[in-house]
């Protein structure tokens, strides 16, 4: 990727001039001055305060988000989603538009105040928090995630058919370690069986005592992210699947759960990925409770800006390969392989195509449910 494309990418994320210069130098070996950066931005017609997107276009985009999974989002989150979608708009403009488009939602969010406990971590990869989110578990979709305690960057957040299988959760961990090239100094999780294999792998990769057990309610960092994930993503799916249940299209049996996994898992994961992208690039404000402020992706990649360092531990590739054999990967298909083969066969026999949006997925779900029930029970 050339310099101009990198500058465009980081500028679109909402990074400051200083952050762009630092990340270009440290991660891409491209050294430029702030004056050169501004000149390149001007040549690409990129400005912070000029060439704003029309209010009509921004209003239409915000309206679509409010009607879908953005109904619980505040103006800071919506502002970051606008930036990532390519809209040139100020935070003040987004705040004003939300007060017009969704005055009730603005008032409800304004009333809520939370008192946070103090939290401290030395630097990125010093402590990872692992936990599962089970609000969609009744519908067959389980979510497992991990967050870096210092920077609040999401390490992984995956939807699968099970969050209690230790091999699947360990697969998320190993994939992240392989991508990073090293492992965290410590990992924290609850005493659920799903974390047992991560504890074993972490002890092998680092040393004994590097996995910390504690209740989920005290897992501050990941619990804070779950609250945002529900507002930005999962609330929509909770209400959507609840509607299918209320109208009699979901009973909770093994067929319906596997069918939900087969049809909707991809769309749920896409919404999760979008929420993670916004989270990792939103700016965390300074607080009286301490802790670093800034964008999680920058705090994670450039700890030197805050006077700290990366605390990850190098791992032996051979040992990592042995650990990998004890894990499962890419488990985003239905957990029952017989059901998976049945659904694929029904789609092939009836010339059904993969859905392109949620409405098409809903139609496919109801069609396959009818065909599968007839095939199995002759109903």
Protein backbone atom coordinates (compact mmCIF):
# COMPACT_ATOMS: atom_id res chain seq x y z
CA UNK A 1 0.00 0.00 0.00
CA UNK A 2 1.51 3.37 -1.04
CA UNK A 3 1.88 6.37 1.25
CA UNK A 4 -1.16 8.27 -0.02
CA UNK A 5 -3.47 5.29 0.45
CA UNK A 6 -2.15 4.77 3.99
CA UNK A 7 -2.67 8.44 4.79
CA UNK A 8 -6.21 8.30 3.39
CA UNK A 9 -6.98 5.15 5.42
CA UNK A 10 -5.77 6.57 8.73
CA UNK A 11 -7.31 9.97 8.08
CA UNK A 12 -10.66 8.27 7.45
CA UNK A 13 -10.36 6.56 10.85
CA UNK A 14 -10.33 10.01 12.46
CA UNK A 15 -6.71 9.87 13.67
CA UNK A 16 -4.95 13.12 14.54
CA UNK A 17 -1.96 14.39 12.55
CA UNK A 18 0.40 13.29 15.32
CA UNK A 19 -1.10 9.80 15.43
CA UNK A 20 -0.89 9.40 11.65
CA UNK A 21 2.77 10.49 11.59
CA UNK A 22 3.68 8.13 14.45
CA UNK A 23 1.95 5.08 13.01
CA UNK A 24 3.47 5.71 9.56
CA UNK A 25 6.94 5.91 11.09
CA UNK A 26 6.74 3.02 13.55
CA UNK A 27 4.69 0.51 11.55
CA UNK A 28 5.39 1.41 7.91
CA UNK A 29 8.87 2.95 8.10
CA UNK A 30 7.59 6.10 6.39
CA UNK A 31 9.00 9.29 7.91
CA UNK A 32 7.22 12.53 7.06
CA UNK A 33 6.71 15.86 8.79
CA UNK A 34 3.39 17.36 9.78
CA UNK A 35 3.78 19.95 7.02
CA UNK A 36 4.28 17.19 4.42
CA UNK A 37 1.30 15.30 5.80
CA UNK A 38 -0.94 18.36 5.47
CA UNK A 39 0.30 18.96 1.94
CA UNK A 40 -0.47 15.37 0.93
CA UNK A 41 -3.92 15.60 2.52
CA UNK A 42 -4.61 18.82 0.64
CA UNK A 43 -3.55 17.18 -2.66
CA UNK A 44 -6.15 14.47 -1.99
CA UNK A 45 -8.75 17.13 -1.09
CA UNK A 46 -8.95 15.86 2.50
CA UNK A 47 -9.68 18.47 5.16
CA UNK A 48 -11.02 18.39 8.69
CA UNK A 49 -13.20 21.47 8.35
CA UNK A 50 -13.85 21.71 4.62
CA UNK A 51 -15.64 19.61 1.99
CA UNK A 52 -18.23 18.37 4.46
CA UNK A 53 -20.76 15.80 3.35
CA UNK A 54 -24.24 17.24 2.81
CA UNK A 55 -26.56 17.19 5.81
CA UNK A 56 -29.17 15.30 3.79
CA UNK A 57 -26.76 12.42 3.09
CA UNK A 58 -25.62 12.27 6.72
CA UNK A 59 -29.22 12.44 7.94
CA UNK A 60 -30.23 9.55 5.69
CA UNK A 61 -27.28 7.48 6.92
CA UNK A 62 -28.08 8.19 10.58
CA UNK A 63 -31.77 7.45 10.02
CA UNK A 64 -30.90 4.01 8.62
CA UNK A 65 -28.68 3.29 11.62
CA UNK A 66 -31.34 4.41 14.09
CA UNK A 67 -33.92 2.18 12.44
CA UNK A 68 -31.55 -0.80 12.52
CA UNK A 69 -28.86 -1.62 15.10
CA UNK A 70 -27.98 1.98 16.02
CA UNK A 71 -31.10 2.68 18.03
CA UNK A 72 -29.16 2.67 21.33
CA UNK A 73 -26.07 4.55 20.11
CA UNK A 74 -24.86 7.91 21.40
CA UNK A 75 -23.50 10.71 19.25
CA UNK A 76 -19.81 9.78 19.74
CA UNK A 77 -20.42 6.25 18.51
CA UNK A 78 -22.54 7.50 15.60
CA UNK A 79 -19.86 10.05 14.70
CA UNK A 80 -17.25 7.29 14.46
CA UNK A 81 -19.56 5.17 12.30
CA UNK A 82 -19.99 8.15 9.97
CA UNK A 83 -16.20 8.50 9.65
CA UNK A 84 -15.71 4.81 8.93
CA UNK A 85 -18.46 4.96 6.30
CA UNK A 86 -16.63 7.79 4.51
CA UNK A 87 -18.78 10.75 5.58
CA UNK A 88 -17.04 14.07 6.31
CA UNK A 89 -18.92 15.52 9.24
CA UNK A 90 -18.21 17.11 12.62
CA UNK A 91 -19.11 15.55 15.94
CA UNK A 92 -21.25 18.59 16.77
CA UNK A 93 -23.25 18.11 13.56
CA UNK A 94 -23.90 14.44 14.39
CA UNK A 95 -25.01 15.42 17.89
CA UNK A 96 -27.41 18.01 16.50
CA UNK A 97 -28.86 15.66 13.90
CA UNK A 98 -29.45 12.94 16.49
CA UNK A 99 -31.32 15.38 18.71
CA UNK A 100 -33.63 16.04 15.75
CA UNK A 101 -33.91 12.50 14.37
CA UNK A 102 -34.07 10.67 17.70
CA UNK A 103 -34.94 13.11 20.51
CA UNK A 104 -36.44 10.38 22.70
CA UNK A 105 -33.30 8.25 22.47
CA UNK A 106 -31.07 11.24 23.27
CA UNK A 107 -33.08 12.02 26.39
CA UNK A 108 -33.03 8.39 27.57
CA UNK A 109 -29.25 8.20 27.20
CA UNK A 110 -28.77 11.55 28.93
CA UNK A 111 -30.47 10.29 32.11
CA UNK A 112 -28.13 7.34 32.60
CA UNK A 113 -25.00 7.85 34.69
CA UNK A 114 -22.57 5.14 35.81
CA UNK A 115 -19.84 5.24 38.44
CA UNK A 116 -16.80 3.24 37.35
CA UNK A 117 -14.28 1.51 39.57
CA UNK A 118 -10.61 2.34 39.11
CA UNK A 119 -8.67 0.04 36.83
CA UNK A 120 -4.99 -0.11 35.97
CA UNK A 121 -2.87 -2.15 33.53
CA UNK A 122 0.80 -1.52 32.75
CA UNK A 123 0.51 -1.56 28.95
CA UNK A 124 -0.86 -3.39 25.91
CA UNK A 125 -0.79 -7.20 26.10
CA UNK A 126 -0.10 -7.12 29.82
CA UNK A 127 -3.57 -8.46 30.59
CA UNK A 128 -6.28 -9.84 28.30
CA UNK A 129 -9.86 -10.26 29.52
CA UNK A 130 -11.80 -13.23 28.12
CA UNK A 131 -15.54 -13.79 28.52
CA UNK A 132 -18.65 -15.12 26.78
CA UNK A 133 -21.84 -13.23 25.93
CA UNK A 134 -24.93 -15.42 26.11
CA UNK A 135 -27.82 -13.09 25.25
CA UNK A 136 -28.31 -14.89 21.93
CA UNK A 137 -27.54 -18.37 23.27
CA UNK A 138 -31.22 -19.34 23.48
CA UNK A 139 -31.37 -18.91 19.71
CA UNK A 140 -28.27 -21.03 19.03
CA UNK A 141 -25.70 -18.24 18.64
CA UNK A 142 -22.93 -17.91 21.23
CA UNK A 143 -20.45 -15.03 21.34
CA UNK A 144 -16.98 -15.12 22.87
CA UNK A 145 -14.66 -12.14 23.09
CA UNK A 146 -11.38 -10.84 24.42
CA UNK A 147 -10.27 -7.29 25.17
CA UNK A 148 -6.86 -5.83 25.99
CA UNK A 149 -7.03 -4.40 29.50
CA UNK A 150 -4.79 -1.39 28.88
CA UNK A 151 -5.89 -0.09 25.49
CA UNK A 152 -9.45 -1.56 25.46
CA UNK A 153 -8.80 -2.88 21.94
CA UNK A 154 -10.90 -5.90 21.04
CA UNK A 155 -8.59 -8.84 20.36
CA UNK A 156 -11.38 -11.09 19.07
CA UNK A 157 -15.16 -11.26 19.15
CA UNK A 158 -16.58 -14.32 17.43
CA UNK A 159 -20.05 -15.82 17.04
CA UNK A 160 -20.12 -19.63 16.98
CA UNK A 161 -22.51 -22.47 17.79
CA UNK A 162 -20.92 -22.92 21.24
CA UNK A 163 -19.11 -20.75 23.77
CA UNK A 164 -18.72 -23.56 26.31
CA UNK A 165 -16.46 -25.84 24.25
CA UNK A 166 -12.90 -25.11 25.49
CA UNK A 167 -11.44 -26.17 22.13
CA UNK A 168 -13.36 -23.44 20.27
CA UNK A 169 -12.48 -20.69 22.75
CA UNK A 170 -8.85 -21.82 22.74
CA UNK A 171 -8.97 -21.64 18.93
CA UNK A 172 -9.84 -17.94 19.14
CA UNK A 173 -6.91 -17.45 21.53
CA UNK A 174 -4.39 -19.35 19.38
CA UNK A 175 -5.50 -17.50 16.21
CA UNK A 176 -4.92 -14.16 17.94
CA UNK A 177 -1.53 -15.25 19.31
CA UNK A 178 -0.46 -16.40 15.83
CA UNK A 179 -1.59 -13.10 14.32
CA UNK A 180 0.23 -11.11 17.01
CA UNK A 181 3.35 -13.30 16.96
CA UNK A 182 3.42 -13.37 20.76
CA UNK A 183 1.10 -13.96 23.70
CA UNK A 184 -0.10 -11.69 26.52
CA UNK A 185 1.66 -11.62 29.87
CA UNK A 186 -1.54 -12.60 31.67
CA UNK A 187 -5.12 -13.63 30.84
CA UNK A 188 -8.19 -13.16 33.03
CA UNK A 189 -11.45 -15.11 32.83
CA UNK A 190 -14.13 -16.73 34.94
CA UNK A 191 -14.12 -20.34 36.15
CA UNK A 192 -16.25 -21.67 33.31
CA UNK A 193 -15.11 -24.87 31.61
CA UNK A 194 -14.60 -22.96 28.35
CA UNK A 195 -11.50 -21.23 29.78
CA UNK A 196 -9.74 -24.37 31.01
CA UNK A 197 -7.80 -25.00 27.80
CA UNK A 198 -6.74 -21.35 27.48
CA UNK A 199 -5.33 -21.63 31.01
CA UNK A 200 -3.35 -24.74 30.01
CA UNK A 201 -2.04 -23.15 26.79
CA UNK A 202 -1.15 -19.88 28.52
CA UNK A 203 0.77 -21.76 31.20
CA UNK A 204 2.73 -23.64 28.52
CA UNK A 205 3.45 -20.54 26.44
CA UNK A 206 4.50 -18.34 29.38
CA UNK A 207 4.66 -19.73 32.90
CA UNK A 208 2.43 -21.01 35.65
CA UNK A 209 0.20 -18.46 37.35
CA UNK A 210 -0.31 -16.36 34.20
CA UNK A 211 -4.07 -17.07 34.10
CA UNK A 212 -6.19 -15.18 36.61
CA UNK A 213 -9.59 -16.50 37.65
CA UNK A 214 -12.34 -14.19 38.81
CA UNK A 215 -16.12 -13.69 38.54
CA UNK A 216 -17.53 -12.23 35.33
CA UNK A 217 -19.07 -9.34 37.28
CA UNK A 218 -15.55 -8.20 38.22
CA UNK A 219 -14.21 -8.48 34.67
CA UNK A 220 -14.60 -4.74 34.15
CA UNK A 221 -13.11 -4.25 30.72
CA UNK A 222 -14.95 -6.98 28.82
CA UNK A 223 -18.22 -6.37 30.69
CA UNK A 224 -18.10 -2.71 29.62
CA UNK A 225 -17.70 -3.82 26.01
CA UNK A 226 -20.65 -6.24 26.26
CA UNK A 227 -22.86 -3.32 27.23
CA UNK A 228 -21.81 -1.44 24.10
CA UNK A 229 -22.15 -4.54 21.94
CA UNK A 230 -25.73 -4.98 23.07
CA UNK A 231 -26.57 -1.37 22.22
CA UNK A 232 -24.77 -1.35 18.88
CA UNK A 233 -25.53 -4.84 17.62
CA UNK A 234 -27.17 -7.50 19.77
CA UNK A 235 -30.33 -5.63 20.79
CA UNK A 236 -31.47 -5.73 17.17
CA UNK A 237 -30.94 -9.50 16.97
CA UNK A 238 -32.54 -10.13 20.36
CA UNK A 239 -35.70 -8.39 19.17
CA UNK A 240 -35.51 -10.01 15.72
CA UNK A 241 -35.23 -13.57 17.03
CA UNK A 242 -37.79 -12.75 19.70
CA UNK A 243 -40.21 -11.80 16.92
CA UNK A 244 -39.60 -15.13 15.17
CA UNK A 245 -40.34 -16.89 18.45
CA UNK A 246 -43.49 -14.86 19.14
CA UNK A 247 -45.00 -15.57 15.70
CA UNK A 248 -44.27 -19.29 16.00
CA UNK A 249 -41.32 -19.53 13.61
CA UNK A 250 -38.86 -20.51 16.35
CA UNK A 251 -39.53 -23.09 19.07
CA UNK A 252 -36.02 -23.59 20.42
CA UNK A 253 -35.65 -27.19 19.25
CA UNK A 254 -32.46 -28.51 17.67
CA UNK A 255 -33.75 -27.93 14.13
CA UNK A 256 -34.59 -24.28 14.68
CA UNK A 257 -31.32 -23.52 16.49
CA UNK A 258 -29.22 -25.14 13.77
CA UNK A 259 -31.22 -23.34 11.10
CA UNK A 260 -30.65 -19.98 12.82
CA UNK A 261 -26.93 -20.77 12.88
CA UNK A 262 -26.97 -21.76 9.20
CA UNK A 263 -28.90 -18.73 7.93
CA UNK A 264 -28.15 -15.85 10.30
CA UNK A 265 -24.69 -16.51 11.77
CA UNK A 266 -22.92 -14.67 8.95
CA UNK A 267 -25.09 -11.56 9.38
CA UNK A 268 -24.65 -11.55 13.16
CA UNK A 269 -20.87 -11.83 12.75
CA UNK A 270 -20.83 -8.98 10.24
CA UNK A 271 -22.68 -6.73 12.68
CA UNK A 272 -20.25 -7.76 15.42
CA UNK A 273 -17.28 -6.97 13.17
CA UNK A 274 -18.76 -3.54 12.39
CA UNK A 275 -19.28 -2.84 16.10
CA UNK A 276 -15.70 -3.94 16.86
CA UNK A 277 -14.30 -1.69 14.10
CA UNK A 278 -16.12 1.32 15.53
CA UNK A 279 -15.10 0.43 19.10
CA UNK A 280 -11.42 0.05 18.20
CA UNK A 281 -11.33 3.44 16.46
CA UNK A 282 -13.54 5.51 18.78
CA UNK A 283 -11.82 8.00 21.07
CA UNK A 284 -11.90 7.28 24.81
CA UNK A 285 -12.17 10.43 26.88
CA UNK A 286 -9.94 11.16 29.90
CA UNK A 287 -11.59 10.18 33.18
CA UNK A 288 -10.98 10.94 36.83
CA UNK A 289 -10.62 7.22 37.42
CA UNK A 290 -7.32 7.27 35.55
CA UNK A 291 -6.24 5.08 32.66
CA UNK A 292 -5.10 6.16 29.20
CA UNK A 293 -7.33 8.14 26.86
CA UNK A 294 -7.40 7.99 23.08
CA UNK A 295 -8.31 5.49 20.38
CA UNK A 296 -7.93 1.82 21.43
CA UNK A 297 -6.14 0.90 18.18
CA UNK A 298 -3.57 3.66 18.72
CA UNK A 299 -3.11 2.91 22.43
CA UNK A 300 -2.52 -0.72 21.50
CA UNK A 301 -0.18 -0.21 18.52
CA UNK A 302 1.71 2.87 19.77
CA UNK A 303 2.12 2.52 23.56
CA UNK A 304 5.24 4.70 23.36
CA UNK A 305 2.99 7.74 22.96
CA UNK A 306 1.75 7.15 26.53
CA UNK A 307 5.19 6.35 27.95
CA UNK A 308 4.71 2.59 28.24
CA UNK A 309 5.57 -0.49 26.16
CA UNK A 310 4.21 -3.71 24.69
CA UNK A 311 4.24 -6.39 27.40
CA UNK A 312 3.64 -9.39 25.14
CA UNK A 313 5.81 -12.50 25.50
CA UNK A 314 7.49 -14.22 22.56
CA UNK A 315 6.39 -17.81 21.96
CA UNK A 316 8.10 -20.89 20.56
CA UNK A 317 6.54 -21.70 17.12
CA UNK A 318 6.93 -25.44 17.73
CA UNK A 319 5.09 -25.28 21.05
CA UNK A 320 2.44 -23.08 19.44
CA UNK A 321 1.96 -25.70 16.73
CA UNK A 322 1.43 -28.40 19.34
CA UNK A 323 -1.14 -26.22 21.15
CA UNK A 324 -2.92 -25.57 17.86
CA UNK A 325 -3.70 -29.28 17.47
CA UNK A 326 -5.82 -29.13 20.64
CA UNK A 327 -8.11 -26.41 19.29
CA UNK A 328 -11.00 -26.00 16.87
CA UNK A 329 -11.19 -23.18 14.31
CA UNK A 330 -13.81 -21.48 12.13
CA UNK A 331 -16.77 -23.02 13.98
CA UNK A 332 -19.38 -20.64 12.56
CA UNK A 333 -21.49 -23.38 10.93
CA UNK A 334 -24.29 -25.33 12.64
CA UNK A 335 -22.97 -27.57 15.40
CA UNK A 336 -24.87 -30.59 14.04
CA UNK A 337 -23.13 -31.72 10.84
CA UNK A 338 -26.13 -33.82 9.80
CA UNK A 339 -28.33 -30.72 9.93
CA UNK A 340 -25.74 -28.76 7.95
CA UNK A 341 -25.71 -31.37 5.18
CA UNK A 342 -29.52 -31.44 5.15
CA UNK A 343 -29.81 -27.66 4.76
CA UNK A 344 -27.24 -27.60 1.94
CA UNK A 345 -29.03 -30.46 0.19
CA UNK A 346 -32.41 -28.72 0.47
CA UNK A 347 -30.96 -25.51 -0.96
CA UNK A 348 -29.42 -27.40 -3.88
CA UNK A 349 -32.55 -29.43 -4.64
CA UNK A 350 -34.84 -26.40 -4.50
CA UNK A 351 -32.37 -24.03 -6.24
CA UNK A 352 -32.30 -21.63 -3.30
CA UNK A 353 -29.62 -18.94 -3.29
CA UNK A 354 -27.70 -17.49 -0.36
CA UNK A 355 -29.34 -14.38 1.16
CA UNK A 356 -27.88 -10.95 0.59
CA UNK A 357 -29.59 -9.16 3.47
CA UNK A 358 -31.60 -9.88 6.63
CA UNK A 359 -34.98 -9.79 4.86
CA UNK A 360 -33.83 -12.40 2.33
CA UNK A 361 -32.32 -14.44 5.17
CA UNK A 362 -35.67 -14.39 6.98
CA UNK A 363 -37.44 -15.67 3.87
CA UNK A 364 -34.82 -18.40 3.42
CA UNK A 365 -35.14 -19.38 7.08
CA UNK A 366 -38.90 -19.86 6.83
CA UNK A 367 -38.60 -21.77 3.54
CA UNK A 368 -35.90 -24.13 4.80
CA UNK A 369 -37.78 -24.61 8.08
CA UNK A 370 -40.87 -25.75 6.20
CA UNK A 371 -38.86 -28.05 3.92
CA UNK A 372 -36.79 -29.51 6.75
CA UNK A 373 -39.83 -30.20 8.93
CA UNK A 374 -41.50 -31.97 6.01
CA UNK A 375 -38.34 -33.96 5.30
CA UNK A 376 -37.85 -35.03 8.94
CA UNK A 377 -41.34 -35.21 10.38
CA UNK A 378 -43.52 -35.20 7.25
CA UNK A 379 -45.30 -32.10 8.63
